[in-house]
Protein backbone atom coordinates (compact mmCIF):
# COMPACT_ATOMS: atom_id res chain seq x y z
CA MET A 1 3.22 -16.18 2.96
CA GLU A 2 2.56 -19.70 1.74
CA ARG A 3 0.88 -20.24 -1.59
CA ARG A 4 -2.07 -22.12 -0.10
CA HIS A 5 -2.89 -19.22 2.25
CA LEU A 6 -2.82 -16.74 -0.61
CA ILE A 7 -4.98 -19.00 -2.76
CA PHE A 8 -7.49 -19.40 0.07
CA ILE A 9 -7.74 -15.62 0.53
CA ALA A 10 -8.17 -15.03 -3.21
CA LEU A 11 -10.78 -17.78 -3.40
CA VAL A 12 -12.76 -16.27 -0.52
CA ILE A 13 -12.65 -12.85 -2.20
CA SER A 14 -13.84 -14.40 -5.47
CA ILE A 15 -16.71 -16.26 -3.80
CA LEU A 16 -17.82 -13.18 -1.87
CA TYR A 17 -17.76 -11.17 -5.08
CA GLY A 18 -19.83 -13.80 -6.86
CA VAL A 19 -22.37 -13.85 -4.03
CA LEU A 20 -22.60 -10.06 -3.70
CA VAL A 21 -22.85 -9.15 -7.40
CA PRO A 22 -26.54 -10.14 -7.65
CA VAL A 23 -27.28 -8.18 -4.47
CA PHE A 24 -25.68 -5.00 -5.85
CA ARG A 25 -26.45 -5.57 -9.55
CA ASP A 26 -27.86 -2.07 -9.94
CA THR A 27 -24.61 -0.50 -8.76
CA GLN A 28 -22.16 -0.51 -11.66
CA ALA A 29 -19.36 0.82 -9.47
CA PHE A 30 -19.54 -2.28 -7.25
CA VAL A 31 -19.25 -4.57 -10.25
CA ALA A 32 -16.22 -2.73 -11.62
CA VAL A 33 -14.42 -2.29 -8.31
CA GLY A 34 -15.20 -5.85 -7.23
CA ALA A 35 -13.86 -7.28 -10.47
CA ALA A 36 -10.67 -5.25 -10.03
CA VAL A 37 -10.24 -6.49 -6.45
CA VAL A 38 -10.68 -10.12 -7.54
CA ALA A 39 -8.16 -9.67 -10.35
CA ILE A 40 -5.64 -8.02 -8.03
CA ALA A 41 -6.07 -10.82 -5.50
CA TRP A 42 -5.22 -13.49 -8.08
CA VAL A 43 -2.30 -11.49 -9.48
CA ALA A 44 -0.96 -11.18 -5.93
CA VAL A 45 -1.16 -14.95 -5.56
CA GLY A 46 0.97 -15.35 -8.65
CA LEU A 47 3.53 -12.74 -7.71
CA LEU A 48 3.90 -13.31 -3.98
CA ALA A 49 3.67 -17.08 -4.01
CA LYS A 50 6.28 -17.33 -6.73
CA ARG A 51 8.73 -15.32 -4.68
CA SER A 52 8.16 -17.36 -1.55
CA ASP A 53 8.54 -20.63 -3.50
CA GLU A 54 11.81 -19.42 -5.01
CA ARG A 55 13.11 -18.49 -1.56
CA CYS A 56 12.21 -21.93 -0.24
CA GLU A 57 13.91 -23.60 -3.18
CA ARG A 58 17.07 -21.51 -2.67
CA ARG A 59 17.05 -22.42 1.02
CA ARG A 60 16.68 -26.14 0.20
CA ASN A 61 19.55 -25.98 -2.29
CA ARG A 62 21.73 -24.17 0.25
CA ASP A 63 21.00 -26.84 2.86
CA ARG A 64 21.80 -29.62 0.39
CA ASN A 65 25.12 -27.99 -0.42
CA ARG A 66 25.97 -27.71 3.27
CA ASP A 67 25.22 -31.42 3.73
CA ARG A 68 27.54 -32.32 0.85
CA ILE A 69 30.38 -30.24 2.27
CA ALA A 70 30.00 -31.53 5.83
């Protein structure tokens, strides 16, 4: 998945969390679980986007090498 899609999803999760925290401020479980979900979303952006960028870079390098040989 592209980095910008992952960032958009994580941003939406973060915004929803920020909007819903005041609504559920009396529920400590929501605050804790919501914070964990937001953190996991941003960690996923870092891990998954990095892998996809590396794959794209390897593919570009492979194509460049083919062009040099041909």
